[in-house]
Structure formats: structure tokens, C-alpha cells
């Protein structure tokens, strides 16, 4: 049984199409479905950005966001809830566009892709579909924890939530829903009446189709940047705070065949008339053979092409990030490289399970800069157990590499269900001395917690100095070749 399928993509990225959606469109069309993709970007929906232009206003807002002053500690949660209500409100033009589409086309099925902050929009769209008797299958990367699924599964109009990677089963799922047949044979399907379990990760990535980006508004993007992944998950998979490895496609590391990746680069470049790629792998150097194959073959597949990637700097032997390899990568078109610094404190790096050393991170930054790459990193403040001494070590690291780091993306520590931190805290809270989780919010997969040690005046002073250094770094002009990818992380 085939039919008409509407895909509503709420994961509204500002700079490039949504890879997960393209992976669903391709098999559905191959199977004979008529597929339409509604991208809210075309109708003015706020787009997700990974970097905000650095201004004094943004610098001030960051100070407010990271403040741990006792007064601000009391205000943070109510302010966060107020901000969340404002940020997550449904985009009315999107609801209107879906309503108009349904009145004109009446699809047999709606596929709805969302992040957890889209809860109000999903609620509104579910009610809209229910009013016209159209089944809705909801999915997204964050639907991988049973408690979160329970918080979402009773929404009106949502026929089922698929928890897992739907690439290989989406055609069968669509046919089953349209025919109103029993979904219980599918692993990973949750409904209001019954649940199975989160589907096992897709083991053989060689069966993935070529992503179909033809429905996305290419002319609406500042530059034509094509997303691609060489594998799913992370070969390290130990960092305590990381929620990426708990998502639907982040659980366990699997790699695609080299020849499939190289062929995709060539075909997609020709199809979408672009030579710029963003690798969305959590850690592109997870598979060293593939990493070196990209360096050796990228220019053959995409002459004069450019690419950016995220890597993991570890201290466990060869990781493909030595100076010679980075220089070869630059020659191969690598323009910008990102990594998770998180902290300049060796003590804290160890507690986080990063598997690296401060000096190894330092050497990587120096080598990447010398190779001519734009170097970016993520950083975390407020990890449980962080002290003034840890912040001093981070400040020292930033000062040491002030001229070599191009951009820093700081984040406050978040206690997230399903992470290694959550499991460790559940079994031995004393391991995180001074931190107390007040309440787990499974609907948005976060926790409200207290960490009084961050309120001391000495801690706050050093943290302010770190935020000032971040502003200094983020305000620097980028190298010419890196500007094409500005706004991405």
C-alpha cells in the first residue's frame, strides 16, 4: 500500500538541510510514495543556530546565563521557564501552512520530526491532524529514553512515537499506519496503549540510501552547505555529561564503508551544485581508516571542495590529529576543526571521562593552528565538583591559546536523563559532592539541580574573567576561508 506522506521538519537548521529528513525521503520515494516536505524556514520560522554573532549584548546575556550569584540562583529557574515558554511557543505561520496544506491535499500520513523543545508545536500539530483523522508518526533524536517517551506519548493526535533509527523500516511503518494495521511487530514503537522497547541501533550502515535534499529551500540558506555523516555514535563513548551518545542514532559506534562515503561526496556535490560539506559525525576520527581515506581522497571526489568536522582529542595512542595529518587534511580541503575542550583542568577532564590530557589538548590546538585550520571548541562551566582552582586552570589554558582559538561555544553543565552522569548520580550521589538534583523533567530531558559551591565570590570572579576571554576570542575576525562556515559548530 502506497500513499501521500507529508513530512513536517521542525528541526529548522539555519545553514543547511536536515540530514535525518533526507534519509527518510529517499526510501519512501523509492517505494513509490508521494512525499512532500514542509520546511518552516520558508515561512519565517525561527531557525536553530549554533553560533550567535558576538556583540556586547550577547556578552551581557552570557554573563546573565552563567551567573551563579545567590540572587541569580533563585531567579534562574523561573527565568528559564519564562524564556522556555517564549522560545518554544508554536510558530503560527507554520501551523497555518500545515492547516492549509491539509485542506488542499489530505495526506494519508504525517511524519513529524521534532526536538524536545518543540513540545507545544507538536501538541498543536497533533490536534490539527486529529481533527482531520490523519495518523501522525512522531520521531526525533531525543526519543530514546523510556521516561521521555512516556511524557510525550499521550499527546492528542500522535498515533505513535518511533524510538530508534527509522531509516530501514520507514516504508513498512508508513504502509502499516496507512492501512491501520497492528504496529506491535515493530521494535521501537510507542503508543498511548502499549510500548515495546527502544529499537536496537541500525547495525549495517551500508544499507543507508543516498539522502534526498531536493525538497529543502537551498536558495534560503546563506551558502550551499551539504551535510553528511560517515558513521553514527562515538568510538570513545565515555564522557559522563554527553547526551549525544544516548540519542536514537548515537547509541554505539558504527561506520559506513569508505567507498559509500566517497561516492556520496561526489554525487551530492554534483546534484546540489556545491563543494562545501559539513560532517555531522560526533567524532569524525572514530574510524581512523576512514579519516585517512577522506584526507587522501576528498579532493579527487570534490575538486576544490571544502569541509569542516568535529573530532575527539584523546590520549590513547594514535588519533589522526598529529601535525602532519592535520596539514594533509588542510590540503584536502579541511577548513575548520572543532573539538570538546570542556575544561583546562586535568582533574576535571578526568572526572568527565574525556580520556585526554590538558597538554594533549594544548598540543592539538597548536598543531591545528599551525596547519592553517580554524580551531573551535566547546567548553563547559559548572560541572559537579568544579572549583576555583579548576577555573583558574581553564583561564590559563585560554590565555595560552588566545591567538590560536577562533571560536568557543560555552555551555552550562546540564544534568540529562540517560547520560552516564545520571546513572552515576543515581547509584552514588556522594560521588558528586555538593550537588543535589531537585527534580528530573523528562518532558524536556533535563534536571533542576543545586550546586552551592558555584556561588562563592572567588569562583564567580574567575568565571567572569573566563567569560571575558571567551568574548575576546569570539569577537576576532575569521580567516577568509573559514567565513563560509561561520554560524556552524
Protein backbone atom coordinates (compact mmCIF):
# COMPACT_ATOMS: atom_id res chain seq x y z
CA UNK A 1 0.00 0.00 0.00
CA UNK A 2 1.42 3.37 -1.02
CA UNK A 3 0.03 6.85 -0.48
CA UNK A 4 0.75 10.51 0.14
CA UNK A 5 3.06 11.43 3.01
CA UNK A 6 3.65 14.88 4.47
CA UNK A 7 6.87 15.35 6.44
CA UNK A 8 6.94 18.37 8.76
CA UNK A 9 10.52 19.21 9.68
CA UNK A 10 10.55 21.21 12.91
CA UNK A 11 14.32 20.75 13.23
CA UNK A 12 14.83 24.03 11.46
CA UNK A 13 18.55 24.45 10.82
CA UNK A 14 19.65 27.84 9.59
CA UNK A 15 22.56 26.88 7.37
CA UNK A 16 21.91 23.50 5.80
CA UNK A 17 19.18 20.87 5.21
CA UNK A 18 18.19 18.28 7.82
CA UNK A 19 20.08 15.07 7.10
CA UNK A 20 17.68 12.85 9.08
CA UNK A 21 14.74 14.01 6.97
CA UNK A 22 16.63 13.40 3.73
CA UNK A 23 17.31 9.84 4.89
CA UNK A 24 13.54 9.27 5.24
CA UNK A 25 12.50 10.91 1.98
CA UNK A 26 14.77 8.74 -0.17
CA UNK A 27 13.38 5.25 0.70
CA UNK A 28 9.77 6.49 0.75
CA UNK A 29 10.08 7.86 -2.79
CA UNK A 30 11.90 4.77 -3.98
CA UNK A 31 8.99 2.69 -2.66
CA UNK A 32 6.50 4.78 -4.64
CA UNK A 33 5.14 7.18 -2.02
CA UNK A 34 4.35 10.77 -2.97
CA UNK A 35 6.28 12.80 -0.40
CA UNK A 36 6.05 16.49 0.42
CA UNK A 37 8.38 18.17 2.92
CA UNK A 38 7.24 21.29 4.73
CA UNK A 39 10.22 23.35 5.90
CA UNK A 40 9.23 26.16 8.29
CA UNK A 41 12.37 28.05 7.23
CA UNK A 42 10.48 29.05 4.08
CA UNK A 43 7.76 30.75 6.08
CA UNK A 44 9.91 32.63 8.55
CA UNK A 45 10.12 30.21 11.46
CA UNK A 46 13.00 30.95 13.86
CA UNK A 47 15.98 28.92 12.74
CA UNK A 48 18.27 26.97 15.04
CA UNK A 49 21.75 28.50 15.11
CA UNK A 50 24.86 27.03 16.66
CA UNK A 51 26.71 30.32 16.90
CA UNK A 52 25.29 33.77 17.51
CA UNK A 53 27.19 36.82 16.23
CA UNK A 54 29.30 38.09 19.11
CA UNK A 55 28.18 41.51 20.32
CA UNK A 56 28.31 43.30 23.66
CA UNK A 57 24.65 42.42 24.06
CA UNK A 58 25.39 38.72 23.60
CA UNK A 59 28.31 39.05 26.01
CA UNK A 60 25.98 40.58 28.64
CA UNK A 61 23.37 37.86 28.09
CA UNK A 62 26.04 35.21 28.54
CA UNK A 63 27.07 36.72 31.88
CA UNK A 64 23.43 36.56 32.99
CA UNK A 65 23.02 32.99 31.78
CA UNK A 66 26.17 31.76 33.51
CA UNK A 67 25.69 33.77 36.70
CA UNK A 68 25.78 31.77 39.93
CA UNK A 69 25.30 34.71 42.27
CA UNK A 70 22.98 33.60 45.12
CA UNK A 71 20.26 36.01 43.96
CA UNK A 72 20.54 34.83 40.36
CA UNK A 73 20.45 31.23 41.54
CA UNK A 74 16.99 31.92 42.91
CA UNK A 75 15.91 33.63 39.71
CA UNK A 76 17.44 31.22 37.19
CA UNK A 77 14.69 28.61 37.24
CA UNK A 78 11.73 30.99 36.92
CA UNK A 79 13.60 32.98 34.26
CA UNK A 80 14.46 29.77 32.42
CA UNK A 81 10.83 28.67 32.44
CA UNK A 82 9.73 32.07 31.18
CA UNK A 83 12.35 32.00 28.43
CA UNK A 84 11.43 28.42 27.56
CA UNK A 85 7.76 29.35 27.24
CA UNK A 86 8.68 32.17 24.89
CA UNK A 87 11.17 30.15 22.84
CA UNK A 88 9.02 27.04 22.46
CA UNK A 89 5.73 28.69 21.55
CA UNK A 90 4.33 27.31 18.28
CA UNK A 91 5.19 29.31 15.18
CA UNK A 92 1.76 30.40 13.96
CA UNK A 93 2.67 30.68 10.24
CA UNK A 94 3.86 27.06 10.37
CA UNK A 95 0.57 25.91 11.90
CA UNK A 96 -1.30 27.91 9.25
CA UNK A 97 0.82 26.43 6.47
CA UNK A 98 0.16 22.88 7.69
CA UNK A 99 -3.56 23.61 8.04
CA UNK A 100 -3.74 24.98 4.50
CA UNK A 101 -1.80 22.02 3.14
CA UNK A 102 -4.16 19.56 4.85
CA UNK A 103 -7.21 21.33 3.46
CA UNK A 104 -5.86 21.07 -0.08
CA UNK A 105 -4.08 17.72 -0.18
CA UNK A 106 -5.27 15.45 2.70
CA UNK A 107 -2.20 13.19 3.01
CA UNK A 108 -2.56 9.62 4.19
CA UNK A 109 0.13 10.08 6.84
CA UNK A 110 2.09 12.84 8.57
CA UNK A 111 5.66 12.23 9.70
CA UNK A 112 6.66 14.74 12.33
CA UNK A 113 10.33 15.24 13.25
CA UNK A 114 11.00 17.24 16.40
CA UNK A 115 13.36 18.07 19.22
CA UNK A 116 12.05 18.17 22.78
CA UNK A 117 11.77 21.97 22.77
CA UNK A 118 9.08 21.58 20.09
CA UNK A 119 6.57 20.09 22.55
CA UNK A 120 3.96 22.91 22.20
CA UNK A 121 4.25 22.82 18.40
CA UNK A 122 3.88 19.02 18.31
CA UNK A 123 0.84 19.29 20.59
CA UNK A 124 -0.79 21.84 18.27
CA UNK A 125 0.02 19.88 15.10
CA UNK A 126 -1.25 16.64 16.64
CA UNK A 127 -4.58 18.27 17.47
CA UNK A 128 -4.76 19.68 13.94
CA UNK A 129 -4.19 16.24 12.39
CA UNK A 130 -6.65 14.58 14.78
CA UNK A 131 -9.35 16.98 13.62
CA UNK A 132 -8.97 15.61 10.09
CA UNK A 133 -8.40 11.98 11.02
CA UNK A 134 -4.84 11.80 9.68
CA UNK A 135 -2.42 9.49 11.52
CA UNK A 136 0.81 11.06 12.80
CA UNK A 137 4.10 9.26 13.44
CA UNK A 138 6.45 11.29 15.64
CA UNK A 139 10.20 10.82 15.80
CA UNK A 140 13.43 12.60 16.58
CA UNK A 141 16.87 12.02 18.07
CA UNK A 142 15.84 12.64 21.69
CA UNK A 143 13.14 9.94 21.76
CA UNK A 144 15.40 7.29 23.20
CA UNK A 145 14.63 7.33 26.93
CA UNK A 146 11.53 5.50 28.24
CA UNK A 147 10.67 8.28 30.69
CA UNK A 148 10.76 10.90 27.94
CA UNK A 149 8.61 8.72 25.68
CA UNK A 150 6.06 8.34 28.48
CA UNK A 151 5.90 12.13 28.86
CA UNK A 152 5.07 12.57 25.15
CA UNK A 153 3.11 9.50 24.09
CA UNK A 154 -0.33 10.67 25.25
CA UNK A 155 -0.42 13.80 23.11
CA UNK A 156 -3.68 14.10 21.18
CA UNK A 157 -3.36 13.10 17.53
CA UNK A 158 0.01 11.38 17.87
CA UNK A 159 -0.65 7.85 16.63
CA UNK A 160 2.77 6.57 17.68
CA UNK A 161 6.30 7.61 18.52
CA UNK A 162 9.17 5.74 16.90
CA UNK A 163 12.15 5.41 19.22
CA UNK A 164 15.18 4.49 17.18
CA UNK A 165 16.60 4.84 13.68
CA UNK A 166 13.73 4.56 11.20
CA UNK A 167 15.82 4.53 8.00
CA UNK A 168 15.40 0.82 7.31
CA UNK A 169 11.77 0.43 8.47
CA UNK A 170 10.12 3.72 7.48
CA UNK A 171 8.45 2.23 4.38
CA UNK A 172 6.92 -0.65 6.36
CA UNK A 173 5.90 1.71 9.16
CA UNK A 174 4.18 4.06 6.71
CA UNK A 175 2.30 1.23 4.97
CA UNK A 176 1.20 -0.22 8.32
CA UNK A 177 -0.09 3.10 9.64
CA UNK A 178 -1.92 3.96 6.44
CA UNK A 179 -3.54 0.51 6.36
CA UNK A 180 -4.46 0.89 10.07
CA UNK A 181 -2.77 -2.40 10.87
CA UNK A 182 -1.12 -3.57 14.10
CA UNK A 183 2.18 -1.84 14.89
CA UNK A 184 3.21 -4.25 17.62
CA UNK A 185 5.55 -6.17 15.34
CA UNK A 186 7.85 -3.13 15.16
CA UNK A 187 10.53 -2.72 17.77
CA UNK A 188 10.74 0.90 18.95
CA UNK A 189 7.08 1.85 18.51
CA UNK A 190 5.37 3.53 21.46
CA UNK A 191 1.65 4.34 21.60
CA UNK A 192 -0.68 5.55 24.34
CA UNK A 193 -1.90 1.98 24.85
CA UNK A 194 1.27 -0.11 24.67
CA UNK A 195 5.01 0.11 24.34
CA UNK A 196 7.75 -2.19 23.14
CA UNK A 197 11.32 -1.01 23.72
CA UNK A 198 13.69 1.42 22.06
CA UNK A 199 14.78 -0.14 18.77
CA UNK A 200 18.29 -1.54 18.60
CA UNK A 201 20.76 0.64 16.67
CA UNK A 202 20.94 0.00 12.94
CA UNK A 203 23.95 -2.30 12.67
CA UNK A 204 24.69 -2.24 8.93
CA UNK A 205 25.06 1.35 7.72
CA UNK A 206 25.95 0.19 4.22
CA UNK A 207 22.21 -0.15 3.55
CA UNK A 208 21.59 3.57 4.05
CA UNK A 209 20.22 5.27 0.92
CA UNK A 210 21.61 8.41 -0.66
CA UNK A 211 19.94 11.31 1.23
CA UNK A 212 17.38 13.27 -0.82
CA UNK A 213 17.71 17.02 -0.17
CA UNK A 214 15.63 18.12 -3.18
CA UNK A 215 12.76 19.47 -1.04
CA UNK A 216 14.85 21.88 1.01
CA UNK A 217 14.95 25.64 0.32
CA UNK A 218 18.51 25.85 -0.96
CA UNK A 219 18.07 29.48 -2.00
CA UNK A 220 17.11 30.41 1.58
CA UNK A 221 20.46 29.31 3.02
CA UNK A 222 23.34 31.83 3.13
CA UNK A 223 25.60 29.24 1.45
CA UNK A 224 25.06 25.82 -0.07
CA UNK A 225 26.49 23.52 2.58
CA UNK A 226 25.77 19.80 2.26
CA UNK A 227 25.53 17.70 5.45
CA UNK A 228 27.00 14.19 5.53
CA UNK A 229 27.88 11.52 8.08
CA UNK A 230 30.47 8.75 7.80
CA UNK A 231 29.19 6.91 10.85
CA UNK A 232 26.90 7.08 13.85
CA UNK A 233 27.77 7.19 17.51
CA UNK A 234 31.17 7.86 19.03
CA UNK A 235 34.05 5.40 19.35
CA UNK A 236 35.01 6.94 22.72
CA UNK A 237 31.50 6.92 24.26
CA UNK A 238 32.66 7.51 27.85
CA UNK A 239 32.18 11.24 28.63
CA UNK A 240 29.87 11.43 31.63
CA UNK A 241 27.91 14.50 30.52
CA UNK A 242 27.34 13.54 26.86
CA UNK A 243 23.73 13.11 25.75
CA UNK A 244 24.65 12.75 22.06
CA UNK A 245 25.56 9.09 22.63
CA UNK A 246 22.11 8.44 24.14
CA UNK A 247 20.13 9.71 21.15
CA UNK A 248 18.36 7.43 18.71
CA UNK A 249 21.30 7.25 16.30
CA UNK A 250 24.11 7.99 18.76
CA UNK A 251 24.00 4.71 20.68
CA UNK A 252 27.04 2.56 19.86
CA UNK A 253 29.58 3.40 17.17
CA UNK A 254 29.07 2.15 13.62
CA UNK A 255 30.90 3.23 10.50
CA UNK A 256 29.91 3.34 6.84
CA UNK A 257 32.03 1.76 4.08
CA UNK A 258 34.65 4.18 2.76
CA UNK A 259 33.57 3.73 -0.86
CA UNK A 260 29.96 4.66 0.02
CA UNK A 261 31.07 7.88 1.71
CA UNK A 262 33.34 8.90 -1.17
CA UNK A 263 30.63 8.18 -3.73
CA UNK A 264 28.14 10.25 -1.75
CA UNK A 265 30.53 13.22 -1.70
CA UNK A 266 30.88 13.11 -5.46
CA UNK A 267 27.18 12.60 -6.29
CA UNK A 268 25.81 15.13 -3.79
CA UNK A 269 28.29 17.80 -4.88
CA UNK A 270 27.15 17.43 -8.48
CA UNK A 271 23.46 17.11 -7.62
CA UNK A 272 23.25 20.19 -5.38
CA UNK A 273 25.94 22.25 -7.07
CA UNK A 274 28.13 22.81 -4.03
CA UNK A 275 31.65 21.95 -2.98
CA UNK A 276 31.15 22.71 0.73
CA UNK A 277 30.40 19.91 3.22
CA UNK A 278 29.76 19.67 6.95
CA UNK A 279 30.50 16.28 8.53
CA UNK A 280 27.97 15.77 11.32
CA UNK A 281 29.79 12.83 12.93
CA UNK A 282 30.11 13.15 16.70
CA UNK A 283 33.78 12.23 16.23
CA UNK A 284 34.99 12.06 12.63
CA UNK A 285 38.24 10.40 13.68
CA UNK A 286 36.42 7.48 15.34
CA UNK A 287 37.39 5.28 12.39
CA UNK A 288 40.99 6.15 11.57
CA UNK A 289 41.00 4.24 8.28
CA UNK A 290 38.04 6.32 7.10
CA UNK A 291 39.58 9.54 8.44
CA UNK A 292 42.76 8.98 6.47
CA UNK A 293 40.76 7.91 3.39
CA UNK A 294 38.88 11.23 3.47
CA UNK A 295 42.13 13.14 3.69
CA UNK A 296 43.57 11.18 0.78
CA UNK A 297 40.51 11.22 -1.49
CA UNK A 298 38.34 14.26 -0.75
CA UNK A 299 39.85 16.46 -3.47
CA UNK A 300 39.54 13.65 -6.00
CA UNK A 301 35.81 13.38 -5.24
CA UNK A 302 35.15 17.12 -4.86
CA UNK A 303 37.84 19.16 -6.64
CA UNK A 304 38.48 22.45 -4.81
CA UNK A 305 36.00 21.32 -2.15
CA UNK A 306 36.00 22.41 1.49
CA UNK A 307 34.80 20.66 4.62
CA UNK A 308 34.50 21.06 8.37
CA UNK A 309 34.40 18.43 11.09
CA UNK A 310 34.34 17.66 14.81
CA UNK A 311 36.96 15.36 16.32
CA UNK A 312 37.82 13.89 19.71
CA UNK A 313 41.28 14.56 21.09
CA UNK A 314 42.21 11.60 23.25
CA UNK A 315 45.41 10.40 24.85
CA UNK A 316 45.01 6.75 23.93
CA UNK A 317 47.63 6.45 21.20
CA UNK A 318 47.23 7.45 17.57
CA UNK A 319 44.12 9.52 16.80
CA UNK A 320 44.98 11.01 13.40
CA UNK A 321 45.42 14.54 14.78
CA UNK A 322 49.20 14.92 14.64
CA UNK A 323 50.66 17.94 12.87
CA UNK A 324 51.49 16.09 9.63
CA UNK A 325 47.98 14.60 9.37
CA UNK A 326 46.37 17.96 10.07
CA UNK A 327 48.47 19.61 7.37
CA UNK A 328 47.42 16.92 4.91
CA UNK A 329 43.79 17.44 5.97
CA UNK A 330 44.12 21.16 5.30
CA UNK A 331 45.48 20.40 1.82
CA UNK A 332 42.50 18.06 1.35
CA UNK A 333 40.07 20.93 2.00
CA UNK A 334 39.52 20.76 5.75
CA UNK A 335 38.88 24.38 6.70
CA UNK A 336 37.67 24.29 10.27
CA UNK A 337 38.04 21.73 13.03
CA UNK A 338 36.08 21.57 16.31
CA UNK A 339 36.69 19.58 19.47
CA UNK A 340 35.37 19.30 23.01
CA UNK A 341 37.81 21.09 25.29
CA UNK A 342 35.27 21.30 28.14
CA UNK A 343 37.88 22.34 30.74
CA UNK A 344 41.51 23.34 31.11
CA UNK A 345 41.72 21.46 34.40
CA UNK A 346 43.28 17.99 34.22
CA UNK A 347 41.42 16.96 37.39
CA UNK A 348 38.08 17.90 35.87
CA UNK A 349 38.91 16.38 32.48
CA UNK A 350 39.50 13.08 34.26
CA UNK A 351 36.24 13.36 36.24
CA UNK A 352 34.37 13.99 33.00
CA UNK A 353 35.77 10.83 31.43
CA UNK A 354 37.26 12.74 28.49
CA UNK A 355 40.16 10.30 28.10
CA UNK A 356 42.68 13.00 27.28
CA UNK A 357 45.19 15.27 28.97
CA UNK A 358 45.45 19.01 29.20
CA UNK A 359 48.79 19.04 27.41
CA UNK A 360 47.44 16.83 24.63
CA UNK A 361 44.61 19.33 24.05
CA UNK A 362 47.15 22.14 24.09
CA UNK A 363 49.36 20.41 21.52
CA UNK A 364 46.36 19.75 19.28
CA UNK A 365 45.35 23.43 19.30
CA UNK A 366 48.89 24.50 18.44
CA UNK A 367 49.19 21.92 15.66
CA UNK A 368 45.78 22.66 14.13
CA UNK A 369 46.51 26.38 14.11
CA UNK A 370 49.95 25.80 12.57
CA UNK A 371 48.31 23.62 9.90
CA UNK A 372 46.22 26.62 8.91
CA UNK A 373 42.89 25.43 10.32
CA UNK A 374 40.23 27.49 12.04
CA UNK A 375 40.08 25.95 15.52
CA UNK A 376 36.87 25.87 17.56
CA UNK A 377 35.92 24.15 20.78
CA UNK A 378 33.04 23.58 23.15
CA UNK A 379 33.54 24.31 26.83
CA UNK A 380 31.58 23.56 29.97
CA UNK A 381 31.22 25.58 33.14
CA UNK A 382 29.67 24.34 36.36
CA UNK A 383 30.49 20.62 36.10
CA UNK A 384 29.83 19.00 39.52
CA UNK A 385 32.94 19.32 41.66
CA UNK A 386 34.35 22.27 39.72
CA UNK A 387 36.32 24.61 41.98
CA UNK A 388 38.02 27.97 41.71
CA UNK A 389 41.30 26.12 41.05
CA UNK A 390 39.72 24.30 38.11
CA UNK A 391 38.51 27.61 36.69
CA UNK A 392 41.97 29.10 37.10
CA UNK A 393 43.36 26.20 35.04
CA UNK A 394 40.75 26.85 32.33
CA UNK A 395 41.55 30.55 32.34
CA UNK A 396 45.24 29.74 31.98
CA UNK A 397 44.52 27.45 29.00
CA UNK A 398 42.50 30.15 27.21
CA UNK A 399 45.21 32.75 27.80
CA UNK A 400 47.83 30.33 26.47
CA UNK A 401 45.84 29.83 23.24
CA UNK A 402 44.19 33.22 22.90
CA UNK A 403 45.54 33.74 19.39
CA UNK A 404 45.04 30.14 18.21
CA UNK A 405 41.39 29.55 19.11
CA UNK A 406 38.90 31.12 16.69
CA UNK A 407 35.63 30.41 18.47
CA UNK A 408 34.45 28.93 21.76
CA UNK A 409 30.97 27.65 22.43
CA UNK A 410 30.48 27.68 26.22
CA UNK A 411 27.67 25.81 27.95
CA UNK A 412 26.46 25.39 31.48
CA UNK A 413 26.52 21.83 32.74
CA UNK A 414 23.16 20.14 32.21
CA UNK A 415 22.06 17.07 34.11
CA UNK A 416 20.37 14.99 31.39
CA UNK A 417 18.47 11.70 31.84
CA UNK A 418 20.14 8.70 30.27
CA UNK A 419 23.67 10.07 30.39
CA UNK A 420 26.49 8.37 32.25
CA UNK A 421 26.31 11.21 34.78
CA UNK A 422 22.64 10.40 35.50
CA UNK A 423 23.48 6.72 36.06
CA UNK A 424 26.44 7.53 38.30
CA UNK A 425 24.39 10.04 40.30
CA UNK A 426 21.56 7.57 40.75
CA UNK A 427 23.83 4.85 42.10
CA UNK A 428 26.20 7.00 44.15
CA UNK A 429 25.15 10.65 44.64
CA UNK A 430 28.07 11.19 47.04
CA UNK A 431 30.41 10.97 44.06
CA UNK A 432 29.18 14.46 43.14
CA UNK A 433 29.73 16.17 46.45
CA UNK A 434 27.76 19.38 46.91
CA UNK A 435 25.35 18.77 44.03
CA UNK A 436 21.71 17.87 44.60
CA UNK A 437 19.20 17.12 41.86
CA UNK A 438 15.90 18.66 42.88
CA UNK A 439 13.72 17.35 40.08
CA UNK A 440 14.05 15.44 36.80
CA UNK A 441 12.00 16.92 33.95
CA UNK A 442 11.56 14.07 31.48
CA UNK A 443 9.35 16.03 29.08
CA UNK A 444 12.33 18.22 28.21
CA UNK A 445 15.01 15.73 29.33
CA UNK A 446 16.74 17.94 31.85
CA UNK A 447 17.06 18.37 35.61
CA UNK A 448 16.75 21.21 38.08
CA UNK A 449 19.68 20.99 40.49
CA UNK A 450 21.65 22.96 43.09
CA UNK A 451 25.43 23.32 43.28
CA UNK A 452 26.12 25.84 46.09
CA UNK A 453 29.92 25.77 45.60
CA UNK A 454 29.48 27.82 42.43
CA UNK A 455 28.06 30.71 44.46
CA UNK A 456 31.30 31.71 46.19
CA UNK A 457 32.67 35.13 45.29
CA UNK A 458 36.11 33.76 44.31
CA UNK A 459 34.58 31.17 41.96
CA UNK A 460 32.34 33.78 40.36
CA UNK A 461 35.21 36.24 39.86
CA UNK A 462 37.33 33.75 37.90
CA UNK A 463 34.31 32.64 35.90
CA UNK A 464 33.64 36.26 34.86
CA UNK A 465 37.25 36.52 33.70
CA UNK A 466 36.78 33.37 31.62
CA UNK A 467 33.63 34.76 30.03
CA UNK A 468 35.52 37.92 29.14
CA UNK A 469 38.24 35.84 27.47
CA UNK A 470 35.60 33.93 25.52
CA UNK A 471 34.14 37.21 24.30
CA UNK A 472 37.59 38.37 23.21
CA UNK A 473 38.14 35.16 21.25
CA UNK A 474 34.68 35.06 19.70
CA UNK A 475 34.95 38.69 18.57
CA UNK A 476 38.01 38.04 16.41
CA UNK A 477 37.61 38.20 12.62
CA UNK A 478 37.80 34.81 10.94
CA UNK A 479 40.24 33.74 8.29
CA UNK A 480 38.76 34.25 4.84
CA UNK A 481 38.40 30.56 4.04
CA UNK A 482 36.52 29.91 7.31
CA UNK A 483 33.85 32.58 6.81
CA UNK A 484 31.79 30.33 4.55
CA UNK A 485 31.11 28.13 7.57
CA UNK A 486 30.52 30.85 10.16
CA UNK A 487 27.47 30.19 12.31
CA UNK A 488 28.10 26.43 12.46
CA UNK A 489 29.69 24.42 15.26
